[in-house]
Amino acid sequence: MQNRKLGNTDMLVSPWALGANVFGWTADEATSFQLLDRYVAAGGNFIDTADVYSVWAPGHKGGESEEIIGKWMKARGNRKQLIIATKVGMEMAPGKKGLAPAYIRQGLDDSLKRLQTDYIDLYQSHEDDPKTPFAESLATYAEAIAAGKVRAIGASNYSAERLEQALEVSKTQSLPAYQSLQPLYNLYDRAAYEEKLEPVCVRHGLSVLSYFSLARGFLTGKYRSEADLAKSPRGGGIKQYLNERGMRILDALAAVAKRHQSTPARVALAWVMARPSITSAIASASTLAQFEDLSAATQLRLDAAAIEELNRASA
């Protein structure tokens, strides 16, 4: 994998970030260790998680993903070779959310403990918190950076307007600035990012780390009817894509994949990674077979005709 610069930092990250939202959920600890081992062996260095993963699963309280990554890093002794990204701000339990200073401080210490590390490479605001002034959150991040607990900060799920405002506060008040944005972006979900967020990120030199790069698995091509949704615990989130446009995209992916002797999943991921403004496409795998499919996407170079065909189908 050809690593890419993360924002205005000295960090270099893989073009495919391994999404860790499945660790401890649809991938048990042993499988998660295997996936992490394969990712590093394939040349990857960028792992994306969050404190809230996987609070939605029955019997979970959040932090399960971070705990698995922490155990794995300790067992392998490879912390310094990795770029670890995690997040704070989404609801962990009733009343436990947001970007207020005290909450960030506690969330950061909890994440460090679960990850069994003394620093986080990229600490991200998981979602906007309109109740907390930007300056308060950013000043708290400044403390964490000064203490060596955080190397850089990023934002996730921000609107273009709010991201621009946060960056302006950083500039005028000499506070740390977000170096990355994590938006929903894939071959189906294009408009929100391309129309408003992309220009802001390009103008300010932010790295863009797309999540749901395979549209929750829809772009793999294995979901073509409501009957297919039972194939995965994540199937419920895919129903929104089962429409005429969705089928048109799947047909184009299948055609391009056939010409490249590839698969729809690889093509869909390669399409995201080929967009100039995207630094890293986040995608997760629950099995080794899924992993090998995604890993091959990093070697797939789509020609201009293929990209244009996919752009037309998803317009």
Protein backbone atom coordinates (compact mmCIF):
# COMPACT_ATOMS: atom_id res chain seq x y z
CA MET A 1 0.00 0.00 0.00
CA GLN A 2 1.25 3.47 -0.89
CA ASN A 3 0.84 5.53 2.28
CA ARG A 4 -0.61 9.03 2.21
CA LYS A 5 -0.07 12.12 4.38
CA LEU A 6 -2.58 12.73 7.18
CA GLY A 7 -3.63 16.37 7.03
CA ASN A 8 -0.87 18.78 7.97
CA THR A 9 0.87 16.23 10.21
CA ASP A 10 3.98 14.12 9.69
CA MET A 11 1.93 10.92 9.84
CA LEU A 12 1.56 8.64 6.81
CA VAL A 13 -1.48 6.37 6.64
CA SER A 14 -2.63 3.51 4.45
CA PRO A 15 -5.18 4.25 1.69
CA TRP A 16 -7.39 1.55 3.21
CA ALA A 17 -8.07 2.01 6.93
CA LEU A 18 -9.22 -1.13 8.70
CA GLY A 19 -12.58 -0.39 10.28
CA ALA A 20 -12.74 -1.90 13.78
CA ASN A 21 -16.47 -1.41 14.41
CA VAL A 22 -16.98 -5.19 13.97
CA PHE A 23 -14.39 -6.26 16.56
CA GLY A 24 -16.12 -7.94 19.48
CA TRP A 25 -19.40 -7.82 17.57
CA THR A 26 -19.57 -9.75 14.28
CA ALA A 27 -15.89 -10.70 14.63
CA ASP A 28 -14.94 -12.38 17.90
CA GLU A 29 -11.60 -11.73 19.59
CA ALA A 30 -9.74 -14.57 17.88
CA THR A 31 -11.02 -13.57 14.43
CA SER A 32 -10.25 -9.90 15.15
CA PHE A 33 -6.64 -10.83 15.99
CA GLN A 34 -6.38 -12.75 12.69
CA LEU A 35 -7.81 -9.80 10.73
CA LEU A 36 -5.41 -7.37 12.39
CA ASP A 37 -2.45 -9.69 11.73
CA ARG A 38 -3.42 -10.02 8.05
CA TYR A 39 -3.89 -6.26 7.70
CA VAL A 40 -0.40 -5.50 9.02
CA ALA A 41 1.09 -8.30 6.90
CA ALA A 42 -0.54 -6.73 3.84
CA GLY A 43 1.22 -3.43 4.59
CA GLY A 44 -1.58 -1.62 6.40
CA ASN A 45 -0.95 0.68 9.38
CA PHE A 46 -4.20 2.63 9.96
CA ILE A 47 -6.86 1.25 12.33
CA ASP A 48 -10.06 3.17 12.99
CA THR A 49 -12.17 2.53 16.09
CA ALA A 50 -14.30 4.45 18.63
CA ASP A 51 -15.20 4.30 22.30
CA VAL A 52 -18.82 3.57 21.40
CA TYR A 53 -18.05 0.35 19.43
CA SER A 54 -20.13 -1.80 19.98
CA VAL A 55 -22.61 -0.40 22.49
CA TRP A 56 -25.53 -1.37 20.23
CA ALA A 57 -24.90 -5.13 20.55
CA PRO A 58 -26.89 -6.99 23.23
CA GLY A 59 -24.92 -7.21 26.46
CA HIS A 60 -22.28 -4.69 25.33
CA LYS A 61 -21.41 -1.44 27.09
CA GLY A 62 -19.06 0.08 24.50
CA GLY A 63 -15.27 -0.11 24.41
CA GLU A 64 -15.19 -3.71 23.21
CA SER A 65 -13.37 -2.84 19.98
CA GLU A 66 -10.73 -0.73 21.73
CA GLU A 67 -10.12 -3.49 24.28
CA ILE A 68 -9.47 -6.07 21.55
CA ILE A 69 -7.08 -3.74 19.71
CA GLY A 70 -5.28 -3.03 23.00
CA LYS A 71 -4.84 -6.72 23.78
CA TRP A 72 -3.61 -7.38 20.24
CA MET A 73 -1.07 -4.53 20.27
CA LYS A 74 0.26 -5.66 23.64
CA ALA A 75 0.57 -9.26 22.42
CA ARG A 76 2.32 -8.23 19.19
CA GLY A 77 4.44 -5.38 20.61
CA ASN A 78 3.78 -3.30 17.49
CA ARG A 79 2.23 -0.07 18.81
CA LYS A 80 4.88 2.20 17.28
CA GLN A 81 4.30 0.83 13.78
CA LEU A 82 0.60 1.74 13.82
CA ILE A 83 -1.59 4.81 13.43
CA ILE A 84 -4.50 4.35 15.83
CA ALA A 85 -7.59 6.51 15.36
CA THR A 86 -10.42 6.52 17.86
CA LYS A 87 -13.31 8.82 18.70
CA VAL A 88 -15.25 10.43 21.53
CA GLY A 89 -18.65 12.08 21.74
CA MET A 90 -21.34 9.60 20.74
CA GLU A 91 -23.69 8.32 23.45
CA MET A 92 -22.11 5.54 25.51
CA ALA A 93 -25.01 5.46 28.00
CA PRO A 94 -27.84 7.83 29.00
CA GLY A 95 -26.23 11.23 29.56
CA LYS A 96 -22.75 10.01 28.59
CA LYS A 97 -21.99 11.87 25.36
CA GLY A 98 -20.82 15.16 23.90
CA LEU A 99 -17.64 17.21 23.66
CA ALA A 100 -17.64 19.09 26.97
CA PRO A 101 -14.12 19.35 28.46
CA ALA A 102 -14.71 17.00 31.40
CA TYR A 103 -16.30 14.41 29.15
CA ILE A 104 -13.44 14.52 26.62
CA ARG A 105 -10.84 14.17 29.42
CA GLN A 106 -12.60 11.15 30.91
CA GLY A 107 -13.30 9.60 27.49
CA LEU A 108 -9.66 9.99 26.46
CA ASP A 109 -8.33 8.37 29.62
CA ASP A 110 -10.82 5.51 29.27
CA SER A 111 -9.80 4.92 25.64
CA LEU A 112 -6.09 4.98 26.52
CA LYS A 113 -6.69 2.40 29.23
CA ARG A 114 -8.67 0.09 26.94
CA LEU A 115 -6.12 0.46 24.13
CA GLN A 116 -3.26 -0.15 26.62
CA THR A 117 -1.29 2.76 25.18
CA ASP A 118 -0.19 6.17 26.43
CA TYR A 119 -1.08 8.08 23.25
CA ILE A 120 -3.64 8.15 20.43
CA ASP A 121 -2.45 9.18 16.97
CA LEU A 122 -5.75 10.64 15.74
CA TYR A 123 -8.42 11.54 18.30
CA GLN A 124 -11.70 12.43 16.64
CA SER A 125 -14.88 14.26 17.65
CA HIS A 126 -17.34 11.53 16.67
CA GLU A 127 -20.17 13.96 16.05
CA ASP A 128 -20.85 17.66 16.45
CA ASP A 129 -21.92 18.89 19.88
CA PRO A 130 -23.81 22.18 19.40
CA LYS A 131 -24.15 22.59 23.19
CA THR A 132 -20.41 22.96 23.74
CA PRO A 133 -18.52 25.97 22.27
CA PHE A 134 -15.80 24.93 19.83
CA ALA A 135 -13.16 26.79 21.86
CA GLU A 136 -13.85 24.70 24.95
CA SER A 137 -13.48 21.36 23.14
CA LEU A 138 -10.44 22.51 21.16
CA ALA A 139 -8.72 23.88 24.29
CA THR A 140 -9.23 20.46 25.91
CA TYR A 141 -7.65 18.79 22.90
CA ALA A 142 -4.76 21.29 23.22
CA GLU A 143 -4.20 20.05 26.79
CA ALA A 144 -4.18 16.44 25.60
CA ILE A 145 -1.67 17.21 22.83
CA ALA A 146 0.58 19.12 25.25
CA ALA A 147 0.45 16.14 27.64
CA GLY A 148 1.50 13.77 24.85
CA LYS A 149 -1.78 11.84 25.00
CA VAL A 150 -2.89 12.84 21.48
CA ARG A 151 -0.87 13.55 18.33
CA ALA A 152 -3.59 15.10 16.13
CA ILE A 153 -7.35 15.66 16.14
CA GLY A 154 -10.06 15.01 13.59
CA ALA A 155 -13.79 15.50 13.11
CA SER A 156 -16.54 13.11 12.08
CA ASN A 157 -20.13 13.71 10.97
CA TYR A 158 -19.79 17.50 10.85
CA SER A 159 -21.70 19.68 8.40
CA ALA A 160 -19.63 21.85 6.07
CA GLU A 161 -20.77 25.00 7.87
CA ARG A 162 -19.90 23.73 11.35
CA LEU A 163 -16.56 22.33 10.19
CA GLU A 164 -15.66 25.70 8.67
CA GLN A 165 -16.63 27.44 11.93
CA ALA A 166 -14.52 25.05 14.02
CA LEU A 167 -11.50 25.63 11.77
CA GLU A 168 -11.97 29.41 12.05
CA VAL A 169 -11.98 29.19 15.87
CA SER A 170 -8.75 27.17 15.75
CA LYS A 171 -7.15 29.85 13.58
CA THR A 172 -8.33 32.95 15.46
CA GLN A 173 -7.73 31.52 18.94
CA SER A 174 -4.49 29.65 18.19
CA LEU A 175 -5.99 26.28 19.11
CA PRO A 176 -5.32 22.87 17.52
CA ALA A 177 -7.16 22.40 14.23
CA TYR A 178 -8.93 19.32 12.92
CA GLN A 179 -6.60 17.56 10.49
CA SER A 180 -9.19 15.19 9.08
CA LEU A 181 -12.87 14.69 8.44
CA GLN A 182 -14.65 11.38 8.56
CA PRO A 183 -17.80 11.60 6.43
CA LEU A 184 -20.23 9.04 5.03
CA TYR A 185 -19.05 8.52 1.45
CA ASN A 186 -19.34 5.74 -1.09
CA LEU A 187 -20.54 5.11 -4.63
CA TYR A 188 -24.17 5.47 -3.52
CA ASP A 189 -23.87 8.17 -0.83
CA ARG A 190 -22.12 10.91 -2.79
CA ALA A 191 -24.03 14.17 -2.81
CA ALA A 192 -23.62 15.40 0.78
CA TYR A 193 -19.84 15.02 0.66
CA GLU A 194 -19.12 16.10 -2.92
CA GLU A 195 -21.34 19.21 -2.92
CA LYS A 196 -20.46 20.84 0.41
CA LEU A 197 -17.87 19.00 2.49
CA GLU A 198 -15.26 18.24 -0.16
CA PRO A 199 -14.60 21.92 -1.05
CA VAL A 200 -14.01 22.77 2.64
CA CYS A 201 -11.63 19.85 3.12
CA VAL A 202 -9.66 20.62 -0.04
CA ARG A 203 -9.42 24.33 0.81
CA HIS A 204 -8.06 23.64 4.31
CA GLY A 205 -5.88 20.65 3.45
CA LEU A 206 -7.85 18.19 5.58
CA SER A 207 -7.49 14.47 5.05
CA VAL A 208 -10.78 12.73 4.30
CA LEU A 209 -11.40 9.29 5.80
CA SER A 210 -14.59 7.90 4.29
CA TYR A 211 -16.75 5.58 6.40
CA PHE A 212 -19.31 3.05 5.14
CA SER A 213 -17.12 2.98 2.01
CA LEU A 214 -19.09 -0.11 0.87
CA ALA A 215 -22.49 1.29 1.92
CA ARG A 216 -22.78 -1.14 4.86
CA GLY A 217 -21.95 -4.00 2.50
CA PHE A 218 -24.54 -3.19 -0.18
CA LEU A 219 -21.83 -2.48 -2.77
CA THR A 220 -20.44 -6.00 -2.43
CA GLY A 221 -23.41 -7.06 -4.56
CA LYS A 222 -24.70 -9.72 -2.19
CA TYR A 223 -27.88 -7.79 -1.35
CA ARG A 224 -30.29 -7.44 -4.28
CA SER A 225 -33.65 -8.02 -2.57
CA GLU A 226 -35.21 -7.71 0.87
CA ALA A 227 -34.86 -11.48 1.21
CA ASP A 228 -31.07 -11.01 1.09
CA LEU A 229 -31.05 -8.71 4.13
CA ALA A 230 -31.11 -11.67 6.51
CA LYS A 231 -27.61 -12.65 5.29
CA SER A 232 -25.95 -10.32 7.80
CA PRO A 233 -26.55 -8.81 11.27
CA ARG A 234 -26.04 -5.47 9.49
CA GLY A 235 -28.66 -6.19 6.84
CA GLY A 236 -31.25 -3.85 8.34
CA GLY A 237 -29.28 -0.77 7.32
CA ILE A 238 -29.19 -1.81 3.67
CA LYS A 239 -32.89 -1.62 2.81
CA GLN A 240 -32.55 2.06 1.86
CA TYR A 241 -30.30 1.10 -1.08
CA LEU A 242 -32.70 -1.38 -2.67
CA ASN A 243 -34.08 0.86 -5.40
CA GLU A 244 -33.62 1.55 -9.12
CA ARG A 245 -30.50 3.66 -8.63
CA GLY A 246 -29.00 1.08 -6.29
CA MET A 247 -29.51 -1.69 -8.85
CA ARG A 248 -28.00 0.50 -11.58
CA ILE A 249 -24.89 0.96 -9.45
CA LEU A 250 -24.63 -2.78 -8.76
CA ASP A 251 -24.92 -3.54 -12.48
CA ALA A 252 -22.12 -1.07 -13.28
CA LEU A 253 -19.93 -2.53 -10.52
CA ALA A 254 -20.49 -6.03 -11.87
CA ALA A 255 -19.58 -4.93 -15.41
CA VAL A 256 -16.39 -3.15 -14.34
CA ALA A 257 -15.44 -6.03 -12.06
CA LYS A 258 -15.82 -8.51 -14.92
CA ARG A 259 -13.55 -6.47 -17.19
CA HIS A 260 -10.91 -6.17 -14.46
CA GLN A 261 -11.25 -9.81 -13.37
CA SER A 262 -12.16 -8.46 -9.96
CA THR A 263 -15.16 -8.26 -7.60
CA PRO A 264 -17.77 -5.53 -6.96
CA ALA A 265 -16.42 -4.94 -3.43
CA ARG A 266 -12.88 -4.36 -4.70
CA VAL A 267 -14.08 -2.05 -7.45
CA ALA A 268 -16.29 -0.04 -5.09
CA LEU A 269 -13.43 0.43 -2.62
CA ALA A 270 -10.94 1.24 -5.39
CA TRP A 271 -13.35 3.89 -6.72
CA VAL A 272 -13.37 5.66 -3.33
CA MET A 273 -9.58 5.45 -2.95
CA ALA A 274 -9.11 6.86 -6.46
CA ARG A 275 -10.89 10.13 -5.66
CA PRO A 276 -8.15 12.77 -5.22
CA SER A 277 -9.64 14.27 -2.05
CA ILE A 278 -9.88 10.92 -0.22
CA THR A 279 -6.88 10.04 1.93
CA SER A 280 -8.14 6.72 3.26
CA ALA A 281 -11.26 4.62 2.76
CA ILE A 282 -12.45 2.90 5.93
CA ALA A 283 -13.86 -0.60 5.43
CA SER A 284 -14.29 -3.47 7.84
CA ALA A 285 -14.21 -7.23 7.41
CA SER A 286 -15.77 -9.83 9.70
CA THR A 287 -14.11 -12.84 8.04
CA LEU A 288 -10.75 -13.61 6.47
CA ALA A 289 -12.46 -14.17 3.10
CA GLN A 290 -13.94 -10.66 3.24
CA PHE A 291 -10.55 -9.32 4.27
CA GLU A 292 -8.72 -10.83 1.29
CA ASP A 293 -11.31 -9.33 -1.08
CA LEU A 294 -10.87 -5.84 0.36
CA SER A 295 -7.10 -6.13 0.59
CA ALA A 296 -6.92 -6.80 -3.16
CA ALA A 297 -8.66 -3.45 -3.77
CA THR A 298 -5.48 -1.63 -2.77
CA GLN A 299 -3.77 -3.14 -5.84
CA LEU A 300 -6.63 -2.37 -8.25
CA ARG A 301 -6.12 0.65 -10.52
CA LEU A 302 -9.33 1.70 -12.26
CA ASP A 303 -8.90 3.41 -15.61
CA ALA A 304 -10.69 6.65 -16.51
CA ALA A 305 -13.36 4.78 -18.49
CA ALA A 306 -14.24 2.58 -15.52
CA ILE A 307 -14.45 5.56 -13.16
CA GLU A 308 -16.64 7.44 -15.63
CA GLU A 309 -18.95 4.43 -16.02
CA LEU A 310 -19.34 4.19 -12.24
CA ASN A 311 -19.85 7.96 -11.92
CA ARG A 312 -22.62 7.87 -14.53
CA ALA A 313 -24.40 4.92 -12.94
CA SER A 314 -24.33 6.57 -9.52
CA ALA A 315 -25.09 10.13 -10.62
